[in-house]
Amino acid sequence: MLAEEQVQITAPSQADHFRLAALHRYHILDTPACEDFSFLTELAAKICEVPYAYISLVDADRVWVKSCAGMHIGELPRGESYCSLVVLSEAATEIPDLTLDPRTAHMRLTVNAPHMRMYSSVALTSSDGFAIGTLSVLDTKPGRLSDDKRVMLVKLARQVMALIELRANEKTLEATVHELELLATTDELTGLHNRRSLLHRLKFEVARARRFRSPLSAVMIDLDHFKKINDEYGHAVGDQVLANLGRLLRENVRVIDVAGRYGGEELCVLLPSTPVEGACKFAESLRAKIEAQVHYAGTRPLRITASLGVGAFNHIEIDDVESLLKQADAALYRAKHGGRNRVACGSD
């Protein structure tokens, strides 16, 4: 019988996979220490008048301890933990003398210091009814908890589970907010900033450049004869070209740069702390990479080119959003009317 029970502890059953899925949904394993969990653990030990307590989560092959009182323990092999018994049986487990129970007499905390004798725990039950871990109290003396202490331990376990739920909900909310922010600021096709986000960042960068008298440049990019691609190969191919170009920009800008879709096939890159000379070098490098990029209409390879215009702050007549974009647009116009597939810089 002992061998059979040992197998159950160390080798999770098929049904245990559903329990593990519930545990992993909370994203609590291996998270940093938290004062709220520590407080509940210490309170459990104090109310039950025992020297040791811990909150544990039972993973596939280990038991990870979120917080503990009276000792320092990070994790145990699942087969060496009393808590493994709880998730396999009843919601509440009490063993008056661990040395007399064949399931626990051999376990590490029983045979080694501090030589545990009494174990009492309540399962931490997920919202869908799975025992994901325990709130446990322990003593080096054999015995049982009184009925009123058992009741308090059950109530504390509910508070622990409520805290786990709260932390998980907070993480879900943060992820949702982040996703909404991306949706609100990202152009779905290119993966770049959308026009609204681009202009918002431009206002921020302009204000910073004016305050610190630092350089700021903007590069406007327009694909040459893009309408022909849509007309000859369809909008799906045109969209793929824009998606490829968006990826190219993301891979070739610095962390501080801001690349966005200004409108249609027109893109823009903001280059903070970059004077006009550096912006023109960047634009020429980008032009060459766009020209070298291969796209496909089915199996047929396509190449496109782009015209680029560079505008730059000079802190005199070019010192606000409108003048910067106007200069970059004017430079782009010269590049397109000068033969396309070229870069025009500033007022040259």
Protein backbone atom coordinates (compact mmCIF):
# COMPACT_ATOMS: atom_id res chain seq x y z
CA MET A 1 0.00 0.00 0.00
CA LEU A 2 2.87 2.38 0.81
CA ALA A 3 4.42 1.87 -2.64
CA GLU A 4 1.10 2.57 -4.33
CA GLU A 5 0.61 5.81 -2.37
CA GLN A 6 4.17 6.89 -3.14
CA VAL A 7 3.51 6.46 -6.88
CA GLN A 8 0.38 8.60 -6.60
CA ILE A 9 2.34 11.41 -4.99
CA THR A 10 5.28 11.43 -7.38
CA ALA A 11 3.43 10.62 -10.62
CA PRO A 12 0.37 12.86 -11.17
CA SER A 13 -2.66 11.12 -12.62
CA GLN A 14 -4.47 12.16 -15.78
CA ALA A 15 -7.05 14.00 -13.67
CA ASP A 16 -4.22 15.98 -12.06
CA HIS A 17 -3.57 17.72 -15.36
CA PHE A 18 -6.82 19.64 -14.97
CA ARG A 19 -5.75 20.70 -11.48
CA LEU A 20 -2.35 21.82 -12.81
CA ALA A 21 -4.06 23.84 -15.53
CA ALA A 22 -6.04 25.62 -12.82
CA LEU A 23 -2.84 26.31 -10.85
CA HIS A 24 -0.90 27.66 -13.83
CA ARG A 25 -3.78 29.95 -14.75
CA TYR A 26 -2.96 32.06 -11.68
CA HIS A 27 0.67 32.70 -12.75
CA ILE A 28 1.78 32.66 -9.12
CA LEU A 29 4.59 30.09 -9.21
CA ASP A 30 8.08 31.55 -8.66
CA THR A 31 6.75 35.05 -8.01
CA PRO A 32 8.60 37.31 -5.52
CA ALA A 33 7.81 37.36 -1.82
CA CYS A 34 4.77 39.39 -0.87
CA GLU A 35 4.01 41.01 2.47
CA ASP A 36 0.28 40.20 2.24
CA PHE A 37 0.92 36.46 1.91
CA SER A 38 3.54 36.58 4.67
CA PHE A 39 1.07 38.28 6.99
CA LEU A 40 -1.56 35.57 6.47
CA THR A 41 1.03 32.86 7.03
CA GLU A 42 2.25 34.41 10.27
CA LEU A 43 -1.36 34.93 11.39
CA ALA A 44 -2.14 31.24 10.80
CA ALA A 45 0.78 30.18 12.99
CA LYS A 46 -0.20 32.63 15.73
CA ILE A 47 -3.91 31.70 15.77
CA CYS A 48 -3.16 27.97 15.76
CA GLU A 49 -0.43 28.45 18.39
CA VAL A 50 2.20 26.51 16.45
CA PRO A 51 5.75 27.54 15.49
CA TYR A 52 5.48 26.82 11.76
CA ALA A 53 3.14 27.65 8.88
CA TYR A 54 3.38 28.01 5.13
CA ILE A 55 1.42 28.64 1.96
CA SER A 56 2.34 26.16 -0.74
CA LEU A 57 1.38 25.46 -4.35
CA VAL A 58 1.55 21.89 -5.64
CA ASP A 59 3.06 21.77 -9.13
CA ALA A 60 3.58 18.69 -11.34
CA ASP A 61 6.79 17.50 -9.66
CA ARG A 62 7.43 19.97 -6.87
CA VAL A 63 5.74 21.87 -4.08
CA TRP A 64 6.63 25.56 -4.20
CA VAL A 65 6.31 27.64 -1.05
CA LYS A 66 4.93 31.15 -1.52
CA SER A 67 5.50 32.20 2.08
CA CYS A 68 6.43 30.57 5.39
CA ALA A 69 6.67 31.40 9.06
CA GLY A 70 9.17 29.89 11.50
CA MET A 71 11.44 28.41 8.82
CA HIS A 72 12.93 29.10 5.41
CA ILE A 73 11.92 26.75 2.64
CA GLY A 74 11.66 27.42 -1.08
CA GLU A 75 10.37 24.20 -2.55
CA LEU A 76 10.31 20.44 -2.05
CA PRO A 77 10.02 17.48 -4.39
CA ARG A 78 6.36 16.59 -4.62
CA GLY A 79 6.98 13.16 -3.12
CA GLU A 80 8.64 14.78 -0.09
CA SER A 81 5.80 17.14 0.79
CA TYR A 82 2.85 16.63 3.07
CA CYS A 83 0.86 19.03 0.90
CA SER A 84 0.78 16.53 -1.95
CA LEU A 85 -1.58 14.42 0.14
CA VAL A 86 -4.08 17.26 0.43
CA VAL A 87 -4.57 17.80 -3.30
CA LEU A 88 -5.07 14.06 -3.77
CA SER A 89 -7.66 13.57 -1.06
CA GLU A 90 -9.87 15.77 1.08
CA ALA A 91 -9.96 19.54 1.30
CA ALA A 92 -8.75 19.39 4.90
CA THR A 93 -6.00 17.09 6.13
CA GLU A 94 -4.70 16.61 9.66
CA ILE A 95 -2.01 14.15 10.73
CA PRO A 96 -1.57 14.10 14.52
CA ASP A 97 1.78 12.29 14.37
CA LEU A 98 3.72 12.30 11.12
CA THR A 99 6.09 9.60 12.34
CA LEU A 100 3.21 7.13 12.72
CA ASP A 101 1.65 7.70 9.31
CA PRO A 102 3.26 5.46 6.63
CA ARG A 103 2.69 8.17 4.02
CA THR A 104 4.74 10.78 5.88
CA ALA A 105 7.10 8.93 8.21
CA HIS A 106 9.86 8.85 5.57
CA MET A 107 9.51 12.45 4.37
CA ARG A 108 12.32 14.96 4.65
CA LEU A 109 10.79 17.32 7.21
CA THR A 110 9.84 14.36 9.41
CA VAL A 111 13.21 12.59 9.57
CA ASN A 112 15.39 15.71 9.40
CA ALA A 113 15.42 18.89 11.46
CA PRO A 114 13.15 20.38 12.59
CA HIS A 115 11.56 16.86 12.87
CA MET A 116 7.93 17.74 12.29
CA ARG A 117 5.30 15.70 14.15
CA MET A 118 1.94 17.44 13.66
CA TYR A 119 0.57 18.63 10.34
CA SER A 120 -2.74 20.35 9.70
CA SER A 121 -3.78 22.03 6.45
CA VAL A 122 -6.64 23.33 4.36
CA ALA A 123 -6.63 23.15 0.58
CA LEU A 124 -6.51 26.32 -1.49
CA THR A 125 -9.36 25.69 -3.91
CA SER A 126 -9.61 27.46 -7.27
CA SER A 127 -12.81 29.06 -8.50
CA ASP A 128 -13.51 25.95 -10.58
CA GLY A 129 -13.03 23.57 -7.68
CA PHE A 130 -9.43 22.34 -7.96
CA ALA A 131 -7.05 22.12 -5.00
CA ILE A 132 -3.97 24.02 -6.17
CA GLY A 133 -2.12 24.16 -2.86
CA THR A 134 -2.49 24.49 0.90
CA LEU A 135 -2.33 26.71 3.91
CA SER A 136 -0.57 24.50 6.44
CA VAL A 137 0.46 24.72 10.08
CA LEU A 138 3.00 22.39 11.69
CA ASP A 139 4.53 21.57 15.05
CA THR A 140 7.41 19.49 16.35
CA LYS A 141 5.03 18.03 18.93
CA PRO A 142 2.24 15.59 18.07
CA GLY A 143 -1.34 16.75 18.51
CA ARG A 144 -4.47 18.13 16.89
CA LEU A 145 -5.96 21.55 16.38
CA SER A 146 -9.04 22.38 18.39
CA ASP A 147 -12.29 22.78 16.48
CA ASP A 148 -12.26 26.56 16.75
CA LYS A 149 -8.69 26.73 15.44
CA ARG A 150 -9.63 24.47 12.53
CA VAL A 151 -12.49 26.84 11.71
CA MET A 152 -10.11 29.81 11.75
CA LEU A 153 -7.61 27.97 9.55
CA VAL A 154 -10.35 27.30 7.00
CA LYS A 155 -11.30 31.00 7.01
CA LEU A 156 -7.68 32.05 6.59
CA ALA A 157 -7.28 29.63 3.67
CA ARG A 158 -10.23 31.35 1.99
CA GLN A 159 -8.48 34.69 2.47
CA VAL A 160 -5.29 33.29 0.94
CA MET A 161 -7.23 32.04 -2.08
CA ALA A 162 -9.03 35.37 -2.38
CA LEU A 163 -5.62 37.09 -2.42
CA ILE A 164 -4.37 34.70 -5.12
CA GLU A 165 -7.48 35.47 -7.18
CA LEU A 166 -6.98 39.20 -6.66
CA ARG A 167 -3.35 39.12 -7.78
CA ALA A 168 -4.28 37.06 -10.85
CA ASN A 169 -7.08 39.50 -11.71
CA GLU A 170 -4.68 42.42 -11.35
CA LYS A 171 -2.26 40.76 -13.79
CA THR A 172 -5.11 40.07 -16.21
CA LEU A 173 -6.21 43.69 -15.95
CA GLU A 174 -2.66 44.92 -16.58
CA ALA A 175 -2.37 42.66 -19.63
CA THR A 176 -5.75 43.88 -20.90
CA VAL A 177 -4.80 47.53 -20.43
CA HIS A 178 -1.50 46.89 -22.23
CA GLU A 179 -3.35 45.20 -25.09
CA LEU A 180 -5.82 48.09 -25.35
CA GLU A 181 -2.93 50.56 -25.37
CA LEU A 182 -1.33 48.64 -28.23
CA LEU A 183 -4.62 48.61 -30.13
CA ALA A 184 -5.03 52.34 -29.57
CA THR A 185 -1.48 53.24 -30.63
CA THR A 186 -0.48 50.60 -33.19
CA ASP A 187 -1.28 50.39 -36.89
CA GLU A 188 -2.54 46.85 -37.35
CA LEU A 189 -1.09 46.35 -40.82
CA THR A 190 2.47 47.60 -40.34
CA GLY A 191 2.92 47.12 -36.59
CA LEU A 192 4.14 50.73 -36.39
CA HIS A 193 2.63 53.62 -34.46
CA ASN A 194 -0.64 54.77 -35.99
CA ARG A 195 -1.04 58.38 -37.10
CA ARG A 196 -2.58 59.54 -33.83
CA SER A 197 0.15 57.95 -31.72
CA LEU A 198 2.88 59.19 -34.06
CA LEU A 199 1.69 62.80 -33.81
CA HIS A 200 1.36 62.48 -30.03
CA ARG A 201 4.96 61.26 -29.76
CA LEU A 202 6.07 63.98 -32.16
CA LYS A 203 4.60 66.67 -29.88
CA PHE A 204 6.44 65.12 -26.94
CA GLU A 205 9.77 64.95 -28.82
CA VAL A 206 9.38 68.52 -30.07
CA ALA A 207 8.76 69.78 -26.54
CA ARG A 208 11.82 67.93 -25.29
CA ALA A 209 14.01 69.18 -28.15
CA ARG A 210 12.94 72.77 -27.49
CA ARG A 211 13.52 72.47 -23.76
CA PHE A 212 17.02 70.96 -23.98
CA ARG A 213 18.00 72.58 -27.30
CA SER A 214 18.71 69.10 -28.65
CA PRO A 215 18.56 68.01 -32.31
CA LEU A 216 15.45 66.34 -33.71
CA SER A 217 14.84 65.04 -37.23
CA ALA A 218 11.92 63.49 -39.09
CA VAL A 219 12.09 61.26 -42.17
CA MET A 220 9.02 61.03 -44.42
CA ILE A 221 8.85 57.91 -46.61
CA ASP A 222 6.58 57.40 -49.60
CA LEU A 223 6.54 54.25 -51.73
CA ASP A 224 7.06 54.91 -55.41
CA HIS A 225 4.20 53.94 -57.75
CA PHE A 226 2.46 52.05 -54.99
CA LYS A 227 -0.92 52.46 -56.69
CA LYS A 228 0.31 50.29 -59.56
CA ILE A 229 0.98 47.42 -57.15
CA ASN A 230 -2.58 47.56 -55.86
CA ASP A 231 -3.99 47.90 -59.38
CA GLU A 232 -1.92 45.09 -60.95
CA TYR A 233 -1.68 42.58 -58.11
CA GLY A 234 -4.52 43.48 -55.77
CA HIS A 235 -4.77 45.08 -52.36
CA ALA A 236 -3.74 41.88 -50.57
CA VAL A 237 -0.29 42.11 -52.19
CA GLY A 238 -0.17 45.82 -51.44
CA ASP A 239 -0.97 45.15 -47.81
CA GLN A 240 1.78 42.54 -47.65
CA VAL A 241 4.26 45.05 -49.07
CA LEU A 242 3.31 47.55 -46.36
CA ALA A 243 3.56 44.86 -43.68
CA ASN A 244 7.04 43.91 -44.93
CA LEU A 245 8.09 47.55 -44.94
CA GLY A 246 6.79 47.99 -41.39
CA ARG A 247 8.89 45.07 -40.26
CA LEU A 248 11.93 46.50 -42.05
CA LEU A 249 11.53 49.79 -40.21
CA ARG A 250 11.06 48.13 -36.83
CA GLU A 251 14.28 46.18 -37.36
CA ASN A 252 16.31 49.24 -38.37
CA VAL A 253 15.39 51.96 -35.89
CA ARG A 254 16.84 52.59 -32.46
CA VAL A 255 14.91 52.15 -29.25
CA ILE A 256 14.48 55.91 -28.92
CA ASP A 257 13.25 56.34 -32.51
CA VAL A 258 9.55 56.40 -33.36
CA ALA A 259 8.38 54.80 -36.60
CA GLY A 260 4.76 55.28 -37.65
CA ARG A 261 2.29 55.07 -40.50
CA TYR A 262 1.49 58.65 -41.42
CA GLY A 263 -1.20 57.70 -43.90
CA GLY A 264 -1.76 55.29 -46.81
CA GLU A 265 1.65 54.24 -48.11
CA GLU A 266 3.37 57.18 -46.40
CA LEU A 267 5.46 56.41 -43.32
CA CYS A 268 7.43 58.57 -40.92
CA VAL A 269 10.37 58.02 -38.60
CA LEU A 270 11.18 60.44 -35.78
CA LEU A 271 14.85 60.57 -34.85
CA PRO A 272 15.40 62.22 -31.43
CA SER A 273 18.88 63.57 -30.65
CA THR A 274 19.77 63.27 -34.34
CA PRO A 275 20.97 66.26 -36.43
CA VAL A 276 20.18 66.56 -40.11
CA GLU A 277 23.46 64.95 -41.22
CA GLY A 278 22.79 61.79 -39.24
CA ALA A 279 19.17 61.72 -40.37
CA CYS A 280 20.20 61.92 -44.02
CA LYS A 281 22.64 59.03 -43.59
CA PHE A 282 19.92 57.00 -41.91
CA ALA A 283 17.47 57.85 -44.71
CA GLU A 284 19.92 56.82 -47.43
CA SER A 285 20.64 53.52 -45.68
CA LEU A 286 16.91 52.90 -45.31
CA ARG A 287 16.29 53.74 -48.98
CA ALA A 288 18.86 51.15 -50.07
CA LYS A 289 17.34 48.50 -47.81
CA ILE A 290 13.83 49.19 -49.14
CA GLU A 291 15.14 48.85 -52.70
CA ALA A 292 16.85 45.55 -51.85
CA GLN A 293 13.81 44.07 -50.11
CA VAL A 294 12.02 41.36 -52.12
CA HIS A 295 8.23 40.99 -52.06
CA TYR A 296 6.09 38.39 -53.76
CA ALA A 297 2.86 38.31 -55.73
CA GLY A 298 2.25 34.58 -55.50
CA THR A 299 5.58 33.16 -56.66
CA ARG A 300 6.53 36.25 -58.65
CA PRO A 301 9.18 38.41 -56.91
CA LEU A 302 8.56 42.15 -56.69
CA ARG A 303 10.83 45.02 -55.81
CA ILE A 304 9.76 48.49 -54.85
CA THR A 305 11.54 51.75 -54.20
CA ALA A 306 10.77 54.71 -51.97
CA SER A 307 11.38 58.43 -51.92
CA LEU A 308 12.43 59.97 -48.61
CA GLY A 309 12.41 63.53 -47.31
CA VAL A 310 14.28 64.70 -44.21
CA GLY A 311 13.32 67.60 -41.98
CA ALA A 312 15.35 68.76 -39.00
CA PHE A 313 15.10 71.23 -36.14
CA ASN A 314 17.32 74.28 -36.35
CA HIS A 315 15.69 76.03 -33.37
CA ILE A 316 15.03 79.13 -35.48
CA GLU A 317 12.33 78.83 -38.16
CA ILE A 318 12.12 75.02 -37.78
CA ASP A 319 11.21 74.66 -34.13
CA ASP A 320 7.70 73.20 -33.87
CA VAL A 321 5.62 70.25 -35.12
CA GLU A 322 4.14 72.01 -38.10
CA SER A 323 7.39 73.46 -39.43
CA LEU A 324 9.25 70.16 -38.99
CA LEU A 325 6.65 68.15 -40.89
CA LYS A 326 6.34 70.87 -43.53
CA GLN A 327 10.08 70.78 -44.18
CA ALA A 328 10.13 66.95 -44.35
CA ASP A 329 7.12 67.00 -46.73
CA ALA A 330 8.78 69.58 -48.94
CA ALA A 331 11.94 67.48 -49.07
CA LEU A 332 9.87 64.40 -49.93
CA TYR A 333 8.20 66.34 -52.76
CA ARG A 334 11.62 67.22 -54.19
CA ALA A 335 12.76 63.61 -53.96
CA LYS A 336 9.72 62.36 -55.85
CA HIS A 337 9.87 65.03 -58.52
CA GLY A 338 13.61 64.63 -58.83
CA GLY A 339 13.29 61.10 -60.14
CA ARG A 340 12.10 59.05 -57.12
CA ASN A 341 14.10 56.37 -55.26
CA ARG A 342 16.21 59.07 -53.64
CA VAL A 343 16.64 61.12 -50.47
CA ALA A 344 16.22 64.87 -50.19
CA CYS A 345 17.38 66.62 -47.04
CA GLY A 346 16.22 69.82 -45.38
CA SER A 347 15.95 72.83 -47.62
CA ASP A 348 18.72 71.72 -50.02
